[in-house]
Amino acid sequence: MHTKAAVILLFMSLILSATSVSGQDLAFSQFYANPVYLNPALAGNKICPRVSFGYRNQFPLLNGHYVSYTAGADMYVEALSGGLAVLAATDMTGPLASFSGSAVYSYHLKITEKLSMNAALQAGYFQYRLNWQSLIFEDMINPGTGEIITGGETPPDRLNVGDVDFSTGMVLGYNERLYLGAAFHHITMPDLAFYQGNTNRLDMRITVHAGALFDLEEGIRGSENEKLSFSPNIVYMQQGKFHQLNGGMYVNFYPFVSGLWLRHNFENPDALIVSLGFQQPQYKIGYSFDFTLAQLGIAAGGAHEVSLVWFLPCPKKEFKYRAIKCPSF
């Protein structure tokens, strides 16, 4: 066990000392539970104020598993003709952790009676934090006993690095039922190098997503949530050499929502995602599990993800706006 940990952490240390390193953003399976993380243009798309939280635990049966959190709030502001949002995300992955915080403005434009467009700008700060004391290198392990001894490695110049970060996105909606969006995160590719004189640019993340909502039956009281409906969706993501295609469907049968997705990482099928949600007018709770299909297998524990969304009272509406509607999970 000590030897395996040492190899993994040694590899991490070599990466940190490289001249150029490509990072990768946090990945979540419930894309629309925190829609602003997927695409900043979705800020305010529900009109009423919305507060969301997300938790993800990936590969829980492995040492050094990935634990990620998101929190966000957004609403439509009539005086600004668009949506405002704040968003924070962090992960705790062994010795290396990340944090990002940002604010979003999304301009909402009604092009025709049926066609709407949102365009957004996101500005914030991205940070990496390194816990050097938790790293174990090869020369710190006694080959005979596996005992950890003091090593002579020199820590990097900085253990906390950060940079300003900008993103943008756009969404088109047709008849409140069809939607197509694209987002470009880290368009300035912030430099997050731990060693002075080196460069560690965070690759731009490109996201393209599309979907539709089809109503099969009206709810008893005509509520939007109570409609029996299904929603096919597709989400493509690219960051550096990483390419991922997600395809699936949600089915809404009030008060429950179910979903089934396939995540494909181009090089190999990655995971089958099963989700189930419970919804009420004031809140929604979602749970999903990733059944790992890659070589790592289900022995790593897959991934558990939980989301919670609160809908706050909506301000008095004295205007008509055709919202771009997306699924909730």
C-alpha atoms as a PDB file:
ATOM      1  CA  MET A   1       0.000   0.000   0.000  1.00  0.00           C
ATOM      2  CA  HIS A   2       2.832   2.411   0.878  1.00  0.00           C
ATOM      3  CA  THR A   3       4.580   1.641  -2.412  1.00  0.00           C
ATOM      4  CA  LYS A   4       1.476   2.291  -4.517  1.00  0.00           C
ATOM      5  CA  ALA A   5       0.840   5.565  -2.718  1.00  0.00           C
ATOM      6  CA  ALA A   6       4.449   6.602  -3.227  1.00  0.00           C
ATOM      7  CA  VAL A   7       4.327   5.926  -6.960  1.00  0.00           C
ATOM      8  CA  ILE A   8       1.127   7.939  -7.356  1.00  0.00           C
ATOM      9  CA  LEU A   9       2.416  10.865  -5.342  1.00  0.00           C
ATOM     10  CA  LEU A  10       5.814  10.781  -7.028  1.00  0.00           C
ATOM     11  CA  PHE A  11       4.058  11.027 -10.372  1.00  0.00           C
ATOM     12  CA  MET A  12       2.100  13.997  -9.057  1.00  0.00           C
ATOM     13  CA  SER A  13       5.278  15.715  -7.941  1.00  0.00           C
ATOM     14  CA  LEU A  14       6.842  15.244 -11.363  1.00  0.00           C
ATOM     15  CA  ILE A  15       3.803  16.837 -12.935  1.00  0.00           C
ATOM     16  CA  LEU A  16       4.049  19.823 -10.602  1.00  0.00           C
ATOM     17  CA  SER A  17       7.670  20.399 -11.565  1.00  0.00           C
ATOM     18  CA  ALA A  18       7.039  20.261 -15.311  1.00  0.00           C
ATOM     19  CA  THR A  19       7.453  23.340 -17.440  1.00  0.00           C
ATOM     20  CA  SER A  20       3.886  23.253 -18.751  1.00  0.00           C
ATOM     21  CA  VAL A  21       0.931  21.458 -17.204  1.00  0.00           C
ATOM     22  CA  SER A  22      -2.685  21.113 -18.343  1.00  0.00           C
ATOM     23  CA  GLY A  23      -5.362  21.148 -15.662  1.00  0.00           C
ATOM     24  CA  GLN A  24      -8.895  19.825 -15.801  1.00  0.00           C
ATOM     25  CA  ASP A  25     -12.089  21.197 -14.265  1.00  0.00           C
ATOM     26  CA  LEU A  26     -14.386  19.458 -11.830  1.00  0.00           C
ATOM     27  CA  ALA A  27     -16.889  17.158 -13.546  1.00  0.00           C
ATOM     28  CA  PHE A  28     -20.463  16.604 -12.385  1.00  0.00           C
ATOM     29  CA  SER A  29     -23.100  14.161 -13.596  1.00  0.00           C
ATOM     30  CA  GLN A  30     -26.198  16.229 -12.729  1.00  0.00           C
ATOM     31  CA  PHE A  31     -25.496  18.868 -15.356  1.00  0.00           C
ATOM     32  CA  TYR A  32     -28.618  20.976 -14.845  1.00  0.00           C
ATOM     33  CA  ALA A  33     -28.821  20.803 -11.035  1.00  0.00           C
ATOM     34  CA  ASN A  34     -26.382  23.735 -11.031  1.00  0.00           C
ATOM     35  CA  PRO A  35     -26.889  25.034 -14.594  1.00  0.00           C
ATOM     36  CA  VAL A  36     -24.676  28.132 -14.219  1.00  0.00           C
ATOM     37  CA  TYR A  37     -21.666  25.828 -13.705  1.00  0.00           C
ATOM     38  CA  LEU A  38     -22.486  24.188 -17.037  1.00  0.00           C
ATOM     39  CA  ASN A  39     -23.106  27.443 -18.898  1.00  0.00           C
ATOM     40  CA  PRO A  40     -23.109  30.967 -17.395  1.00  0.00           C
ATOM     41  CA  ALA A  41     -25.756  31.996 -19.943  1.00  0.00           C
ATOM     42  CA  LEU A  42     -28.287  29.953 -17.939  1.00  0.00           C
ATOM     43  CA  ALA A  43     -28.127  32.452 -15.064  1.00  0.00           C
ATOM     44  CA  GLY A  44     -31.663  33.609 -14.330  1.00  0.00           C
ATOM     45  CA  ASN A  45     -33.298  31.188 -16.752  1.00  0.00           C
ATOM     46  CA  LYS A  46     -35.845  30.161 -14.088  1.00  0.00           C
ATOM     47  CA  ILE A  47     -36.717  33.853 -13.439  1.00  0.00           C
ATOM     48  CA  CYS A  48     -37.361  33.271  -9.715  1.00  0.00           C
ATOM     49  CA  PRO A  49     -34.375  33.252  -7.301  1.00  0.00           C
ATOM     50  CA  ARG A  50     -32.682  29.852  -7.067  1.00  0.00           C
ATOM     51  CA  VAL A  51     -30.043  28.575  -4.631  1.00  0.00           C
ATOM     52  CA  SER A  52     -28.220  25.323  -5.418  1.00  0.00           C
ATOM     53  CA  PHE A  53     -25.704  23.042  -3.727  1.00  0.00           C
ATOM     54  CA  GLY A  54     -23.844  20.028  -5.100  1.00  0.00           C
ATOM     55  CA  TYR A  55     -21.681  17.275  -3.604  1.00  0.00           C
ATOM     56  CA  ARG A  56     -19.750  14.596  -5.501  1.00  0.00           C
ATOM     57  CA  ASN A  57     -17.613  11.741  -4.175  1.00  0.00           C
ATOM     58  CA  GLN A  58     -15.779   9.924  -6.968  1.00  0.00           C
ATOM     59  CA  PHE A  59     -13.984   6.578  -6.498  1.00  0.00           C
ATOM     60  CA  PRO A  60     -14.752   6.425  -2.725  1.00  0.00           C
ATOM     61  CA  LEU A  61     -13.134   2.986  -2.356  1.00  0.00           C
ATOM     62  CA  LEU A  62      -9.719   4.309  -3.428  1.00  0.00           C
ATOM     63  CA  ASN A  63      -7.266   6.197  -1.265  1.00  0.00           C
ATOM     64  CA  GLY A  64      -7.175   9.851  -2.281  1.00  0.00           C
ATOM     65  CA  HIS A  65     -10.682   9.808  -3.806  1.00  0.00           C
ATOM     66  CA  TYR A  66     -12.119  12.970  -5.352  1.00  0.00           C
ATOM     67  CA  VAL A  67     -14.588  15.027  -3.298  1.00  0.00           C
ATOM     68  CA  SER A  68     -16.097  18.112  -4.949  1.00  0.00           C
ATOM     69  CA  TYR A  69     -18.579  20.797  -3.892  1.00  0.00           C
ATOM     70  CA  THR A  70     -20.476  23.557  -5.691  1.00  0.00           C
ATOM     71  CA  ALA A  71     -22.737  26.330  -4.439  1.00  0.00           C
ATOM     72  CA  GLY A  72     -24.540  28.950  -6.457  1.00  0.00           C
ATOM     73  CA  ALA A  73     -27.410  31.423  -6.531  1.00  0.00           C
ATOM     74  CA  ASP A  74     -29.064  33.156  -9.458  1.00  0.00           C
ATOM     75  CA  MET A  75     -32.160  35.148 -10.391  1.00  0.00           C
ATOM     76  CA  TYR A  76     -33.622  37.276 -13.159  1.00  0.00           C
ATOM     77  CA  VAL A  77     -33.461  41.057 -12.675  1.00  0.00           C
ATOM     78  CA  GLU A  78     -35.931  42.939 -14.860  1.00  0.00           C
ATOM     79  CA  ALA A  79     -34.084  46.265 -14.522  1.00  0.00           C
ATOM     80  CA  LEU A  80     -30.955  44.642 -16.010  1.00  0.00           C
ATOM     81  CA  SER A  81     -32.839  42.667 -18.692  1.00  0.00           C
ATOM     82  CA  GLY A  82     -30.991  39.555 -17.607  1.00  0.00           C
ATOM     83  CA  GLY A  83     -29.839  37.215 -14.904  1.00  0.00           C
ATOM     84  CA  LEU A  84     -27.285  37.613 -12.127  1.00  0.00           C
ATOM     85  CA  ALA A  85     -25.464  34.744 -10.436  1.00  0.00           C
ATOM     86  CA  VAL A  86     -22.685  33.950  -7.998  1.00  0.00           C
ATOM     87  CA  LEU A  87     -20.933  30.592  -8.108  1.00  0.00           C
ATOM     88  CA  ALA A  88     -18.290  28.788  -6.064  1.00  0.00           C
ATOM     89  CA  ALA A  89     -16.665  25.370  -6.591  1.00  0.00           C
ATOM     90  CA  THR A  90     -14.000  23.476  -4.682  1.00  0.00           C
ATOM     91  CA  ASP A  91     -12.513  20.004  -4.476  1.00  0.00           C
ATOM     92  CA  MET A  92     -10.429  18.156  -1.906  1.00  0.00           C
ATOM     93  CA  THR A  93      -8.212  15.593  -3.603  1.00  0.00           C
ATOM     94  CA  GLY A  94      -5.371  14.491  -1.354  1.00  0.00           C
ATOM     95  CA  PRO A  95      -2.544  17.034  -1.384  1.00  0.00           C
ATOM     96  CA  LEU A  96      -3.941  19.124  -4.250  1.00  0.00           C
ATOM     97  CA  ALA A  97      -7.131  21.183  -3.976  1.00  0.00           C
ATOM     98  CA  SER A  98      -8.776  23.855  -6.071  1.00  0.00           C
ATOM     99  CA  PHE A  99     -11.199  26.717  -5.479  1.00  0.00           C
ATOM    100  CA  SER A 100     -13.019  29.031  -7.835  1.00  0.00           C
ATOM    101  CA  GLY A 101     -15.421  31.875  -7.176  1.00  0.00           C
ATOM    102  CA  SER A 102     -17.143  34.046  -9.766  1.00  0.00           C
ATOM    103  CA  ALA A 103     -19.988  36.399 -10.620  1.00  0.00           C
ATOM    104  CA  VAL A 104     -22.118  36.192 -13.767  1.00  0.00           C
ATOM    105  CA  TYR A 105     -24.285  38.532 -15.803  1.00  0.00           C
ATOM    106  CA  SER A 106     -26.454  36.971 -18.505  1.00  0.00           C
ATOM    107  CA  TYR A 107     -28.280  39.271 -20.921  1.00  0.00           C
ATOM    108  CA  HIS A 108     -31.665  37.886 -22.026  1.00  0.00           C
ATOM    109  CA  LEU A 109     -32.907  38.884 -25.471  1.00  0.00           C
ATOM    110  CA  LYS A 110     -36.298  38.104 -26.984  1.00  0.00           C
ATOM    111  CA  ILE A 111     -35.594  37.791 -30.712  1.00  0.00           C
ATOM    112  CA  THR A 112     -39.089  36.739 -31.847  1.00  0.00           C
ATOM    113  CA  GLU A 113     -42.237  35.520 -30.126  1.00  0.00           C
ATOM    114  CA  LYS A 114     -40.778  32.019 -29.991  1.00  0.00           C
ATOM    115  CA  LEU A 115     -37.013  32.526 -30.166  1.00  0.00           C
ATOM    116  CA  SER A 116     -34.933  33.745 -27.199  1.00  0.00           C
ATOM    117  CA  MET A 117     -31.206  34.142 -26.614  1.00  0.00           C
ATOM    118  CA  ASN A 118     -29.051  34.513 -23.489  1.00  0.00           C
ATOM    119  CA  ALA A 119     -25.451  35.736 -23.657  1.00  0.00           C
ATOM    120  CA  ALA A 120     -23.247  35.878 -20.548  1.00  0.00           C
ATOM    121  CA  LEU A 121     -19.940  37.062 -19.159  1.00  0.00           C
ATOM    122  CA  GLN A 122     -18.418  35.405 -16.081  1.00  0.00           C
ATOM    123  CA  ALA A 123     -15.526  36.882 -14.087  1.00  0.00           C
ATOM    124  CA  GLY A 124     -13.832  35.402 -11.047  1.00  0.00           C
ATOM    125  CA  TYR A 125     -10.756  33.914  -9.430  1.00  0.00           C
ATOM    126  CA  PHE A 126      -9.247  30.406  -9.698  1.00  0.00           C
ATOM    127  CA  GLN A 127      -6.838  28.963  -7.133  1.00  0.00           C
ATOM    128  CA  TYR A 128      -4.793  25.785  -6.571  1.00  0.00           C
ATOM    129  CA  ARG A 129      -3.590  24.845  -3.075  1.00  0.00           C
ATOM    130  CA  LEU A 130      -0.843  22.285  -2.407  1.00  0.00           C
ATOM    131  CA  ASN A 131      -0.427  20.500   0.943  1.00  0.00           C
ATOM    132  CA  TRP A 132       3.275  19.706   0.585  1.00  0.00           C
ATOM    133  CA  GLN A 133       3.519  17.939   3.948  1.00  0.00           C
ATOM    134  CA  SER A 134       1.121  15.204   2.787  1.00  0.00           C
ATOM    135  CA  LEU A 135       3.280  14.217  -0.214  1.00  0.00           C
ATOM    136  CA  ILE A 136       5.281  10.982   0.029  1.00  0.00           C
ATOM    137  CA  PHE A 137       8.194  10.530  -2.388  1.00  0.00           C
ATOM    138  CA  GLU A 138      10.032   7.369  -3.375  1.00  0.00           C
ATOM    139  CA  ASP A 139      13.178   8.145  -1.374  1.00  0.00           C
ATOM    140  CA  MET A 140      11.063   8.645   1.763  1.00  0.00           C
ATOM    141  CA  ILE A 141      10.107   4.946   1.933  1.00  0.00           C
ATOM    142  CA  ASN A 142      12.355   2.335   3.513  1.00  0.00           C
ATOM    143  CA  PRO A 143      12.394  -0.441   0.843  1.00  0.00           C
ATOM    144  CA  GLY A 144      12.721  -3.150   3.480  1.00  0.00           C
ATOM    145  CA  THR A 145      10.063  -2.146   5.980  1.00  0.00           C
ATOM    146  CA  GLY A 146       7.907   0.383   4.112  1.00  0.00           C
ATOM    147  CA  GLU A 147       8.524   2.863   6.920  1.00  0.00           C
ATOM    148  CA  ILE A 148       8.160   6.539   5.995  1.00  0.00           C
ATOM    149  CA  ILE A 149      11.340   8.527   6.671  1.00  0.00           C
ATOM    150  CA  THR A 150      12.182  12.193   6.243  1.00  0.00           C
ATOM    151  CA  GLY A 151      12.916  13.187   2.653  1.00  0.00           C
ATOM    152  CA  GLY A 152      15.086  15.940   1.275  1.00  0.00           C
ATOM    153  CA  GLU A 153      12.775  17.289  -1.444  1.00  0.00           C
ATOM    154  CA  THR A 154      12.546  21.035  -1.738  1.00  0.00           C
ATOM    155  CA  PRO A 155       9.001  22.456  -1.778  1.00  0.00           C
ATOM    156  CA  PRO A 156       7.951  24.692  -4.679  1.00  0.00           C
ATOM    157  CA  ASP A 157       8.235  28.456  -4.495  1.00  0.00           C
ATOM    158  CA  ARG A 158       4.529  28.837  -3.764  1.00  0.00           C
ATOM    159  CA  LEU A 159       2.012  26.486  -2.173  1.00  0.00           C
ATOM    160  CA  ASN A 160      -0.976  28.653  -3.137  1.00  0.00           C
ATOM    161  CA  VAL A 161      -1.336  29.958  -6.687  1.00  0.00           C
ATOM    162  CA  GLY A 162      -4.214  31.802  -8.287  1.00  0.00           C
ATOM    163  CA  ASP A 163      -5.208  34.035 -11.148  1.00  0.00           C
ATOM    164  CA  VAL A 164      -8.209  35.952 -12.451  1.00  0.00           C
ATOM    165  CA  ASP A 165     -10.489  33.896 -14.642  1.00  0.00           C
ATOM    166  CA  PHE A 166     -13.024  34.817 -17.343  1.00  0.00           C
ATOM    167  CA  SER A 167     -15.668  32.746 -19.110  1.00  0.00           C
ATOM    168  CA  THR A 168     -18.525  33.333 -21.515  1.00  0.00           C
ATOM    169  CA  GLY A 169     -21.539  31.462 -22.841  1.00  0.00           C
ATOM    170  CA  MET A 170     -24.635  31.648 -25.016  1.00  0.00           C
ATOM    171  CA  VAL A 171     -27.951  29.757 -25.135  1.00  0.00           C
ATOM    172  CA  LEU A 172     -30.709  29.787 -27.745  1.00  0.00           C
ATOM    173  CA  GLY A 173     -34.215  28.688 -26.819  1.00  0.00           C
ATOM    174  CA  TYR A 174     -37.144  28.016 -29.130  1.00  0.00           C
ATOM    175  CA  ASN A 175     -40.749  27.960 -27.960  1.00  0.00           C
ATOM    176  CA  GLU A 176     -39.620  27.292 -24.356  1.00  0.00           C
ATOM    177  CA  ARG A 177     -38.973  23.678 -25.340  1.00  0.00           C
ATOM    178  CA  LEU A 178     -35.837  23.425 -27.525  1.00  0.00           C
ATOM    179  CA  TYR A 179     -32.443  24.737 -26.431  1.00  0.00           C
ATOM    180  CA  LEU A 180     -28.895  24.844 -27.752  1.00  0.00           C
ATOM    181  CA  GLY A 181     -25.957  26.323 -25.868  1.00  0.00           C
ATOM    182  CA  ALA A 182     -22.197  26.745 -25.888  1.00  0.00           C
ATOM    183  CA  ALA A 183     -19.823  27.889 -23.142  1.00  0.00           C
ATOM    184  CA  PHE A 184     -16.138  28.782 -23.083  1.00  0.00           C
ATOM    185  CA  HIS A 185     -14.532  28.650 -19.631  1.00  0.00           C
ATOM    186  CA  HIS A 186     -11.038  30.000 -18.799  1.00  0.00           C
ATOM    187  CA  ILE A 187     -10.826  32.009 -22.011  1.00  0.00           C
ATOM    188  CA  THR A 188      -7.719  33.794 -20.665  1.00  0.00           C
ATOM    189  CA  MET A 189      -6.151  30.444 -19.630  1.00  0.00           C
ATOM    190  CA  PRO A 190      -4.966  31.531 -16.132  1.00  0.00           C
ATOM    191  CA  ASP A 191      -1.385  30.684 -15.142  1.00  0.00           C
ATOM    192  CA  LEU A 192      -1.298  28.409 -12.063  1.00  0.00           C
ATOM    193  CA  ALA A 193       2.395  27.411 -11.882  1.00  0.00           C
ATOM    194  CA  PHE A 194       3.779  26.521  -8.426  1.00  0.00           C
ATOM    195  CA  TYR A 195       7.384  27.111  -9.528  1.00  0.00           C
ATOM    196  CA  GLN A 196       8.456  30.613 -10.518  1.00  0.00           C
ATOM    197  CA  GLY A 197       9.748  30.836 -14.061  1.00  0.00           C
ATOM    198  CA  ASN A 198       7.520  27.963 -15.202  1.00  0.00           C
ATOM    199  CA  THR A 199       4.123  28.100 -16.875  1.00  0.00           C
ATOM    200  CA  ASN A 200       1.047  26.068 -15.956  1.00  0.00           C
ATOM    201  CA  ARG A 201      -1.835  27.280 -18.106  1.00  0.00           C
ATOM    202  CA  LEU A 202      -5.317  26.013 -17.309  1.00  0.00           C
ATOM    203  CA  ASP A 203      -6.763  24.826 -20.612  1.00  0.00           C
ATOM    204  CA  MET A 204      -9.941  26.379 -21.919  1.00  0.00           C
ATOM    205  CA  ARG A 205     -13.026  24.217 -21.331  1.00  0.00           C
ATOM    206  CA  ILE A 206     -15.448  24.162 -24.254  1.00  0.00           C
ATOM    207  CA  THR A 207     -18.989  22.904 -23.670  1.00  0.00           C
ATOM    208  CA  VAL A 208     -21.768  22.385 -26.208  1.00  0.00           C
ATOM    209  CA  HIS A 209     -25.160  21.192 -24.992  1.00  0.00           C
ATOM    210  CA  ALA A 210     -28.582  20.722 -26.528  1.00  0.00           C
ATOM    211  CA  GLY A 211     -31.897  19.229 -25.550  1.00  0.00           C
ATOM    212  CA  ALA A 212     -35.664  19.364 -25.649  1.00  0.00           C
ATOM    213  CA  LEU A 213     -38.652  19.150 -23.319  1.00  0.00           C
ATOM    214  CA  PHE A 214     -41.727  17.189 -24.411  1.00  0.00           C
ATOM    215  CA  ASP A 215     -44.930  17.307 -22.355  1.00  0.00           C
ATOM    216  CA  LEU A 216     -47.004  14.126 -22.353  1.00  0.00           C
ATOM    217  CA  GLU A 217     -49.699  15.081 -19.861  1.00  0.00           C
ATOM    218  CA  GLU A 218     -50.688  18.179 -17.900  1.00  0.00           C
ATOM    219  CA  GLY A 219     -50.527  18.131 -14.089  1.00  0.00           C
ATOM    220  CA  ILE A 220     -53.679  18.096 -12.006  1.00  0.00           C
ATOM    221  CA  ARG A 221     -53.385  21.809 -11.240  1.00  0.00           C
ATOM    222  CA  GLY A 222     -51.521  22.740 -14.416  1.00  0.00           C
ATOM    223  CA  SER A 223     -48.248  23.273 -12.558  1.00  0.00           C
ATOM    224  CA  GLU A 224     -45.057  23.188 -14.628  1.00  0.00           C
ATOM    225  CA  ASN A 225     -43.467  20.653 -12.261  1.00  0.00           C
ATOM    226  CA  GLU A 226     -46.486  18.359 -12.335  1.00  0.00           C
ATOM    227  CA  LYS A 227     -46.423  17.754 -16.066  1.00  0.00           C
ATOM    228  CA  LEU A 228     -45.568  14.259 -17.220  1.00  0.00           C
ATOM    229  CA  SER A 229     -42.662  14.899 -19.575  1.00  0.00           C
ATOM    230  CA  PHE A 230     -39.378  13.583 -20.922  1.00  0.00           C
ATOM    231  CA  SER A 231     -36.235  15.419 -21.978  1.00  0.00           C
ATOM    232  CA  PRO A 232     -33.499  13.980 -24.246  1.00  0.00           C
ATOM    233  CA  ASN A 233     -30.154  15.781 -23.894  1.00  0.00           C
ATOM    234  CA  ILE A 234     -26.593  15.769 -25.134  1.00  0.00           C
ATOM    235  CA  VAL A 235     -23.546  17.454 -23.563  1.00  0.00           C
ATOM    236  CA  TYR A 236     -20.100  17.606 -25.191  1.00  0.00           C
ATOM    237  CA  MET A 237     -17.035  18.824 -23.255  1.00  0.00           C
ATOM    238  CA  GLN A 238     -13.460  19.411 -24.343  1.00  0.00           C
ATOM    239  CA  GLN A 239     -10.500  20.611 -22.271  1.00  0.00           C
ATOM    240  CA  GLY A 240      -6.985  20.195 -23.660  1.00  0.00           C
ATOM    241  CA  LYS A 241      -6.609  16.587 -24.779  1.00  0.00           C
ATOM    242  CA  PHE A 242      -9.700  15.572 -22.811  1.00  0.00           C
ATOM    243  CA  HIS A 243     -12.863  14.952 -24.881  1.00  0.00           C
ATOM    244  CA  GLN A 244     -16.141  13.749 -23.408  1.00  0.00           C
ATOM    245  CA  LEU A 245     -19.601  13.105 -24.855  1.00  0.00           C
ATOM    246  CA  ASN A 246     -22.637  12.619 -22.603  1.00  0.00           C
ATOM    247  CA  GLY A 247     -26.010  11.509 -23.897  1.00  0.00           C
ATOM    248  CA  GLY A 248     -29.139  10.682 -21.973  1.00  0.00           C
ATOM    249  CA  MET A 249     -32.708  11.404 -21.007  1.00  0.00           C
ATOM    250  CA  TYR A 250     -34.720  12.649 -18.037  1.00  0.00           C
ATOM    251  CA  VAL A 251     -38.297  11.566 -17.317  1.00  0.00           C
ATOM    252  CA  ASN A 252     -40.489  13.715 -15.061  1.00  0.00           C
ATOM    253  CA  PHE A 253     -43.356  11.942 -13.285  1.00  0.00           C
ATOM    254  CA  TYR A 254     -44.235  14.288 -10.441  1.00  0.00           C
ATOM    255  CA  PRO A 255     -43.016  14.376  -7.731  1.00  0.00           C
ATOM    256  CA  PHE A 256     -40.148  12.232  -9.085  1.00  0.00           C
ATOM    257  CA  VAL A 257     -37.561  12.720 -11.825  1.00  0.00           C
ATOM    258  CA  SER A 258     -35.411   9.900 -13.190  1.00  0.00           C
ATOM    259  CA  GLY A 259     -32.502   9.997 -15.582  1.00  0.00           C
ATOM    260  CA  LEU A 260     -30.227   7.650 -17.519  1.00  0.00           C
ATOM    261  CA  TRP A 261     -27.013   8.845 -19.227  1.00  0.00           C
ATOM    262  CA  LEU A 262     -23.960   7.357 -20.904  1.00  0.00           C
ATOM    263  CA  ARG A 263     -20.643   9.182 -20.496  1.00  0.00           C
ATOM    264  CA  HIS A 264     -18.114   8.441 -23.232  1.00  0.00           C
ATOM    265  CA  ASN A 265     -14.511   9.684 -23.060  1.00  0.00           C
ATOM    266  CA  PHE A 266     -13.747   9.008 -26.744  1.00  0.00           C
ATOM    267  CA  GLU A 267     -10.822   6.751 -25.796  1.00  0.00           C
ATOM    268  CA  ASN A 268     -13.203   4.440 -23.898  1.00  0.00           C
ATOM    269  CA  PRO A 269     -16.752   4.324 -22.447  1.00  0.00           C
ATOM    270  CA  ASP A 270     -16.490   5.905 -19.011  1.00  0.00           C
ATOM    271  CA  ALA A 271     -19.708   5.469 -17.021  1.00  0.00           C
ATOM    272  CA  LEU A 272     -23.406   4.746 -17.004  1.00  0.00           C
ATOM    273  CA  ILE A 273     -25.164   7.411 -14.926  1.00  0.00           C
ATOM    274  CA  VAL A 274     -28.423   6.669 -13.112  1.00  0.00           C
ATOM    275  CA  SER A 275     -30.209   9.493 -11.303  1.00  0.00           C
ATOM    276  CA  LEU A 276     -33.376   9.960  -9.249  1.00  0.00           C
ATOM    277  CA  GLY A 277     -34.836  13.203  -7.940  1.00  0.00           C
ATOM    278  CA  PHE A 278     -37.696  14.335  -5.702  1.00  0.00           C
ATOM    279  CA  GLN A 279     -39.277  17.728  -6.318  1.00  0.00           C
ATOM    280  CA  GLN A 280     -41.684  20.113  -4.660  1.00  0.00           C
ATOM    281  CA  PRO A 281     -42.574  23.708  -5.573  1.00  0.00           C
ATOM    282  CA  GLN A 282     -40.026  25.066  -3.061  1.00  0.00           C
ATOM    283  CA  TYR A 283     -37.135  22.601  -3.487  1.00  0.00           C
ATOM    284  CA  LYS A 284     -35.635  19.713  -5.429  1.00  0.00           C
ATOM    285  CA  ILE A 285     -33.299  16.945  -4.262  1.00  0.00           C
ATOM    286  CA  GLY A 286     -31.340  14.740  -6.647  1.00  0.00           C
ATOM    287  CA  TYR A 287     -29.073  11.711  -6.326  1.00  0.00           C
ATOM    288  CA  SER A 288     -27.030  10.028  -9.038  1.00  0.00           C
ATOM    289  CA  PHE A 289     -24.584   7.150  -9.214  1.00  0.00           C
ATOM    290  CA  ASP A 290     -21.931   6.566 -11.875  1.00  0.00           C
ATOM    291  CA  PHE A 291     -21.402   2.897 -12.747  1.00  0.00           C
ATOM    292  CA  THR A 292     -17.790   2.931 -13.958  1.00  0.00           C
ATOM    293  CA  LEU A 293     -17.360   1.140 -17.304  1.00  0.00           C
ATOM    294  CA  ALA A 294     -13.689   2.010 -17.811  1.00  0.00           C
ATOM    295  CA  GLN A 295     -10.774  -0.297 -16.957  1.00  0.00           C
ATOM    296  CA  LEU A 296     -10.755   0.972 -13.373  1.00  0.00           C
ATOM    297  CA  GLY A 297     -14.076  -0.815 -12.901  1.00  0.00           C
ATOM    298  CA  ILE A 298     -16.773  -0.656 -10.255  1.00  0.00           C
ATOM    299  CA  ALA A 299     -14.213  -1.794  -7.670  1.00  0.00           C
ATOM    300  CA  ALA A 300     -13.238   1.882  -7.307  1.00  0.00           C
ATOM    301  CA  GLY A 301     -16.722   2.632  -6.010  1.00  0.00           C
ATOM    302  CA  GLY A 302     -18.116   4.611  -8.937  1.00  0.00           C
ATOM    303  CA  ALA A 303     -19.284   8.098  -8.007  1.00  0.00           C
ATOM    304  CA  HIS A 304     -22.033   9.374  -5.716  1.00  0.00           C
ATOM    305  CA  GLU A 305     -23.522  12.801  -6.380  1.00  0.00           C
ATOM    306  CA  VAL A 306     -26.169  14.720  -4.420  1.00  0.00           C
ATOM    307  CA  SER A 307     -27.809  18.019  -5.355  1.00  0.00           C
ATOM    308  CA  LEU A 308     -30.173  20.336  -3.499  1.00  0.00           C
ATOM    309  CA  VAL A 309     -31.987  23.300  -5.067  1.00  0.00           C
ATOM    310  CA  TRP A 310     -34.157  25.852  -3.255  1.00  0.00           C
ATOM    311  CA  PHE A 311     -36.600  28.082  -5.117  1.00  0.00           C
ATOM    312  CA  LEU A 312     -37.214  31.366  -3.298  1.00  0.00           C
ATOM    313  CA  PRO A 313     -40.404  33.434  -3.662  1.00  0.00           C
ATOM    314  CA  CYS A 314     -40.592  35.105  -7.031  1.00  0.00           C
ATOM    315  CA  PRO A 315     -40.872  38.913  -7.206  1.00  0.00           C
ATOM    316  CA  LYS A 316     -44.142  40.321  -8.489  1.00  0.00           C
ATOM    317  CA  LYS A 317     -44.224  39.854 -12.220  1.00  0.00           C
ATOM    318  CA  GLU A 318     -45.334  42.818 -14.271  1.00  0.00           C
ATOM    319  CA  PHE A 319     -43.697  41.650 -17.472  1.00  0.00           C
ATOM    320  CA  LYS A 320     -43.895  38.745 -19.857  1.00  0.00           C
ATOM    321  CA  TYR A 321     -40.712  36.821 -20.572  1.00  0.00           C
ATOM    322  CA  ARG A 322     -40.282  33.639 -22.574  1.00  0.00           C
ATOM    323  CA  ALA A 323     -37.791  31.654 -20.502  1.00  0.00           C
ATOM    324  CA  ILE A 324     -35.292  29.117 -21.803  1.00  0.00           C
ATOM    325  CA  LYS A 325     -36.366  26.007 -19.925  1.00  0.00           C
ATOM    326  CA  CYS A 326     -33.958  23.173 -19.173  1.00  0.00           C
ATOM    327  CA  PRO A 327     -34.320  20.022 -17.087  1.00  0.00           C
ATOM    328  CA  SER A 328     -33.663  20.238 -13.347  1.00  0.00           C
ATOM    329  CA  PHE A 329     -31.163  17.413 -12.930  1.00  0.00           C
END
